[in-house]
Amino acid sequence: MKTIIIALILILSGIKASAQEDYRFDIGGGIGMTGYLGDANTANLWSNPGFDAELLFRYLPNPRWGMKTNFYVGTLSGNSEKMTNVLPESKTFKFSTTFFELGEMAEFNFFNYGIGETYRHLKRISPYIAAGLGITAWSVSGEWGAALSIPLGVGVKYKLSERWNLGFEFLMKKTFTDRLDGRPLSDPLGIKSSFMKNTDWYSTMSVTISYEFSKRCAVCNYKD
């Protein structure tokens, strides 16, 4: 009986210790839908939806913050015939592009995100806000371009288990260029564009799944 009690204590202690483990890194991917706002679409973000695929890697300094490196590939398209605004000389334009984006983002969770450690008030689900800086490259009609972009958005994370996470994220991305939709649409209204003033934005709305790894401290109770 004494042996059984000792064994149960050890098992329960092991379960408690396991529940309190957390991890420093997170890796995963996702898929979703894209939207475009620019000279070929000035109002309806979803009038010409495209798709995106994402790879992500996070550093998790604590339950409130995450630093995410992400890589996107996706498609964007637009058609000025669908706009209520009429371009000069009643010209119409349409385009289709493939884009690639590499970025770094900071995420702030509204709640302490995680499982276990009740004294830390961890929540299995948490909304968050995100912002960062990226580089977007694209190709329209065989012509390549690249520019800085600023992603801003919101999302929500849910822990499927101790190490698996499900996420939903919506980001609007301002690009510092007026040629995301091609050279013919770089200035159809004759309004001079600049580095800080242009009309090209795009969005990504993605569902992601990720896996945490690298225990913060596997052999002691101290966490760095």
Protein backbone atom coordinates (compact mmCIF):
# COMPACT_ATOMS: atom_id res chain seq x y z
CA MET A 1 0.00 0.00 0.00
CA LYS A 2 2.82 2.38 0.89
CA THR A 3 4.40 1.67 -2.49
CA ILE A 4 1.11 2.37 -4.28
CA ILE A 5 0.64 5.69 -2.45
CA ILE A 6 4.18 6.78 -3.29
CA ALA A 7 3.61 5.81 -6.93
CA LEU A 8 0.37 7.83 -7.08
CA ILE A 9 2.09 10.86 -5.56
CA LEU A 10 4.86 10.62 -8.15
CA ILE A 11 2.34 10.27 -10.99
CA LEU A 12 0.29 13.25 -9.80
CA SER A 13 3.43 15.30 -9.34
CA GLY A 14 4.49 14.43 -12.86
CA ILE A 15 1.10 15.47 -14.27
CA LYS A 16 1.25 18.78 -12.42
CA ALA A 17 4.78 19.46 -13.64
CA SER A 18 3.77 18.60 -17.20
CA ALA A 19 0.79 20.96 -17.06
CA GLN A 20 3.06 23.77 -16.01
CA GLU A 21 5.56 23.36 -18.83
CA ASP A 22 5.62 26.07 -21.45
CA TYR A 23 7.60 26.53 -24.62
CA ARG A 24 9.72 29.21 -26.23
CA PHE A 25 8.90 28.68 -29.91
CA ASP A 26 5.93 28.03 -32.17
CA ILE A 27 5.95 26.89 -35.81
CA GLY A 28 3.11 26.34 -38.22
CA GLY A 29 1.21 27.44 -41.31
CA GLY A 30 -2.14 28.50 -42.63
CA ILE A 31 -4.36 29.21 -45.62
CA GLY A 32 -6.92 31.88 -46.31
CA MET A 33 -8.36 34.61 -48.51
CA THR A 34 -6.92 37.90 -49.75
CA GLY A 35 -8.46 41.22 -50.71
CA TYR A 36 -7.24 44.30 -52.59
CA LEU A 37 -7.91 48.05 -52.45
CA GLY A 38 -6.37 50.30 -55.05
CA ASP A 39 -6.95 52.08 -58.34
CA ALA A 40 -8.82 49.07 -59.78
CA ASN A 41 -10.99 48.67 -56.66
CA THR A 42 -11.58 51.65 -54.38
CA ALA A 43 -14.44 50.40 -52.17
CA ASN A 44 -15.23 46.69 -51.85
CA LEU A 45 -12.30 44.78 -50.34
CA TRP A 46 -13.81 41.41 -51.28
CA SER A 47 -14.99 42.15 -54.84
CA ASN A 48 -12.11 40.11 -56.30
CA PRO A 49 -10.96 37.67 -53.59
CA GLY A 50 -7.75 35.73 -53.94
CA PHE A 51 -5.98 33.14 -51.76
CA ASP A 52 -2.97 33.04 -49.49
CA ALA A 53 -0.76 30.41 -47.88
CA GLU A 54 1.40 31.19 -44.87
CA LEU A 55 4.37 29.78 -42.99
CA LEU A 56 5.03 31.17 -39.51
CA PHE A 57 7.57 31.01 -36.71
CA ARG A 58 7.05 32.63 -33.29
CA TYR A 59 9.25 33.43 -30.35
CA LEU A 60 7.15 33.36 -27.16
CA PRO A 61 8.81 35.48 -24.45
CA ASN A 62 5.77 35.23 -22.13
CA PRO A 63 2.00 34.46 -22.21
CA ARG A 64 1.12 38.01 -23.31
CA TRP A 65 3.54 38.59 -26.18
CA GLY A 66 4.61 36.82 -29.34
CA MET A 67 7.14 37.81 -32.02
CA LYS A 68 6.12 36.28 -35.33
CA THR A 69 8.17 35.86 -38.49
CA ASN A 70 5.89 35.02 -41.40
CA PHE A 71 6.13 34.25 -45.09
CA TYR A 72 3.10 34.60 -47.36
CA VAL A 73 2.44 33.68 -50.96
CA GLY A 74 -0.87 34.70 -52.48
CA THR A 75 -2.82 36.18 -55.35
CA LEU A 76 -4.49 39.56 -55.84
CA SER A 77 -6.71 40.85 -58.63
CA GLY A 78 -8.88 43.85 -59.51
CA ASN A 79 -11.17 45.12 -62.25
CA SER A 80 -12.09 48.79 -62.54
CA GLU A 81 -15.23 47.91 -64.54
CA LYS A 82 -16.87 46.96 -61.22
CA MET A 83 -16.24 50.39 -59.66
CA THR A 84 -18.82 53.15 -59.41
CA ASN A 85 -16.05 55.73 -59.94
CA VAL A 86 -15.15 56.34 -63.59
CA LEU A 87 -11.50 56.74 -64.59
CA PRO A 88 -10.42 59.48 -67.04
CA GLU A 89 -11.54 58.88 -70.65
CA SER A 90 -13.72 56.04 -69.29
CA LYS A 91 -10.75 53.71 -69.41
CA THR A 92 -11.01 50.36 -67.65
CA PHE A 93 -8.21 48.25 -66.23
CA LYS A 94 -7.91 44.82 -64.70
CA PHE A 95 -4.93 42.98 -63.30
CA SER A 96 -3.89 39.77 -61.61
CA THR A 97 -0.74 39.33 -59.55
CA THR A 98 1.11 36.83 -57.41
CA PHE A 99 2.76 38.32 -54.33
CA PHE A 100 5.33 37.15 -51.80
CA GLU A 101 5.65 38.71 -48.36
CA LEU A 102 8.27 38.32 -45.64
CA GLY A 103 7.52 40.12 -42.39
CA GLU A 104 8.10 40.46 -38.67
CA MET A 105 5.20 41.18 -36.33
CA ALA A 106 4.59 41.77 -32.63
CA GLU A 107 1.44 40.21 -31.16
CA PHE A 108 -0.16 41.28 -27.89
CA ASN A 109 -2.60 38.83 -26.31
CA PHE A 110 -5.47 40.38 -24.33
CA PHE A 111 -5.24 37.48 -21.84
CA ASN A 112 -2.39 35.37 -20.50
CA TYR A 113 -2.48 32.67 -23.17
CA GLY A 114 -1.83 29.05 -22.20
CA ILE A 115 -2.94 25.93 -20.33
CA GLY A 116 -2.22 25.14 -16.68
CA GLU A 117 -0.57 27.33 -14.02
CA THR A 118 -3.81 28.71 -12.57
CA TYR A 119 -1.86 31.20 -10.45
CA ARG A 120 -0.85 32.92 -13.71
CA HIS A 121 -4.53 33.13 -14.82
CA LEU A 122 -3.81 31.44 -18.15
CA LYS A 123 -6.65 31.35 -20.68
CA ARG A 124 -7.10 28.71 -23.35
CA ILE A 125 -8.44 31.30 -25.79
CA SER A 126 -7.29 34.89 -26.32
CA PRO A 127 -7.92 37.65 -28.86
CA TYR A 128 -4.88 39.69 -29.85
CA ILE A 129 -3.72 42.68 -31.85
CA ALA A 130 -0.73 42.67 -34.17
CA ALA A 131 1.49 45.10 -36.04
CA GLY A 132 4.82 44.93 -37.79
CA LEU A 133 6.90 45.56 -40.89
CA GLY A 134 7.34 43.54 -44.04
CA ILE A 135 8.69 43.39 -47.57
CA THR A 136 6.27 42.54 -50.37
CA ALA A 137 7.35 41.45 -53.84
CA TRP A 138 4.95 40.87 -56.74
CA SER A 139 4.73 40.17 -60.44
CA VAL A 140 2.19 41.74 -62.84
CA SER A 141 2.32 40.86 -66.55
CA GLY A 142 5.86 39.57 -66.13
CA GLU A 143 7.10 42.77 -64.46
CA TRP A 144 8.47 42.44 -60.92
CA GLY A 145 8.37 44.97 -58.11
CA ALA A 146 9.05 45.17 -54.36
CA ALA A 147 8.18 47.57 -51.57
CA LEU A 148 7.92 47.94 -47.83
CA SER A 149 4.58 47.09 -46.22
CA ILE A 150 3.01 47.68 -42.81
CA PRO A 151 0.62 44.96 -41.59
CA LEU A 152 -1.96 45.85 -38.91
CA GLY A 153 -4.69 43.59 -37.62
CA VAL A 154 -6.44 41.41 -35.11
CA GLY A 155 -6.77 37.72 -34.40
CA VAL A 156 -7.74 35.04 -31.93
CA LYS A 157 -5.83 32.00 -30.67
CA TYR A 158 -7.21 28.78 -29.19
CA LYS A 159 -5.20 26.00 -27.54
CA LEU A 160 -6.28 22.65 -28.93
CA SER A 161 -3.88 21.01 -26.46
CA GLU A 162 -0.76 21.88 -24.49
CA ARG A 163 1.34 22.33 -27.63
CA TRP A 164 -1.12 22.71 -30.52
CA ASN A 165 -2.73 26.06 -31.38
CA LEU A 166 -5.52 27.03 -33.75
CA GLY A 167 -5.68 30.63 -34.94
CA PHE A 168 -7.69 33.08 -37.03
CA GLU A 169 -6.14 36.35 -38.17
CA PHE A 170 -7.17 39.33 -40.29
CA LEU A 171 -4.52 41.81 -41.43
CA MET A 172 -4.67 44.96 -43.55
CA LYS A 173 -1.36 45.77 -45.22
CA LYS A 174 -0.36 49.20 -46.47
CA THR A 175 2.26 49.07 -49.20
CA PHE A 176 4.58 51.97 -49.95
CA THR A 177 4.02 51.73 -53.68
CA ASP A 178 1.37 52.53 -56.26
CA ARG A 179 2.35 49.72 -58.60
CA LEU A 180 1.07 46.67 -56.77
CA ASP A 181 -1.66 46.53 -59.43
CA GLY A 182 0.73 47.12 -62.36
CA ARG A 183 2.36 50.02 -64.16
CA PRO A 184 -0.79 51.15 -66.08
CA LEU A 185 -2.56 51.67 -62.74
CA SER A 186 0.33 53.44 -61.00
CA ASP A 187 -1.34 56.86 -61.46
CA PRO A 188 -4.51 56.69 -63.61
CA LEU A 189 -6.00 59.84 -62.05
CA GLY A 190 -2.90 61.95 -62.63
CA ILE A 191 -2.36 62.54 -58.91
CA LYS A 192 1.30 62.41 -58.01
CA SER A 193 2.08 59.58 -55.60
CA SER A 194 4.90 59.50 -53.07
CA PHE A 195 6.57 57.11 -50.64
CA MET A 196 4.14 58.05 -47.87
CA LYS A 197 1.00 58.55 -50.00
CA ASN A 198 -0.46 55.94 -52.35
CA THR A 199 -3.61 53.93 -52.87
CA ASP A 200 -2.51 50.27 -52.78
CA TRP A 201 -3.52 48.08 -49.86
CA TYR A 202 -4.18 44.37 -49.54
CA SER A 203 -5.49 42.06 -46.83
CA THR A 204 -4.93 38.50 -45.66
CA MET A 205 -7.52 36.55 -43.68
CA SER A 206 -6.06 33.23 -42.60
CA VAL A 207 -6.76 30.16 -40.49
CA THR A 208 -3.56 28.79 -38.95
CA ILE A 209 -2.38 25.80 -36.95
CA SER A 210 0.91 25.73 -35.06
CA TYR A 211 2.99 23.54 -32.76
CA GLU A 212 5.04 24.72 -29.77
CA PHE A 213 8.50 23.31 -29.00
CA SER A 214 11.66 23.87 -26.93
CA LYS A 215 10.65 23.71 -23.26
CA ARG A 216 11.51 26.87 -21.39
CA CYS A 217 12.96 24.84 -18.53
CA ALA A 218 12.78 21.06 -18.63
CA VAL A 219 14.72 20.12 -15.46
CA CYS A 220 13.91 22.79 -12.89
CA ASN A 221 11.12 25.00 -11.60
CA TYR A 222 12.80 28.23 -12.69
CA LYS A 223 11.62 29.84 -15.93
CA ASP A 224 13.72 32.43 -17.71
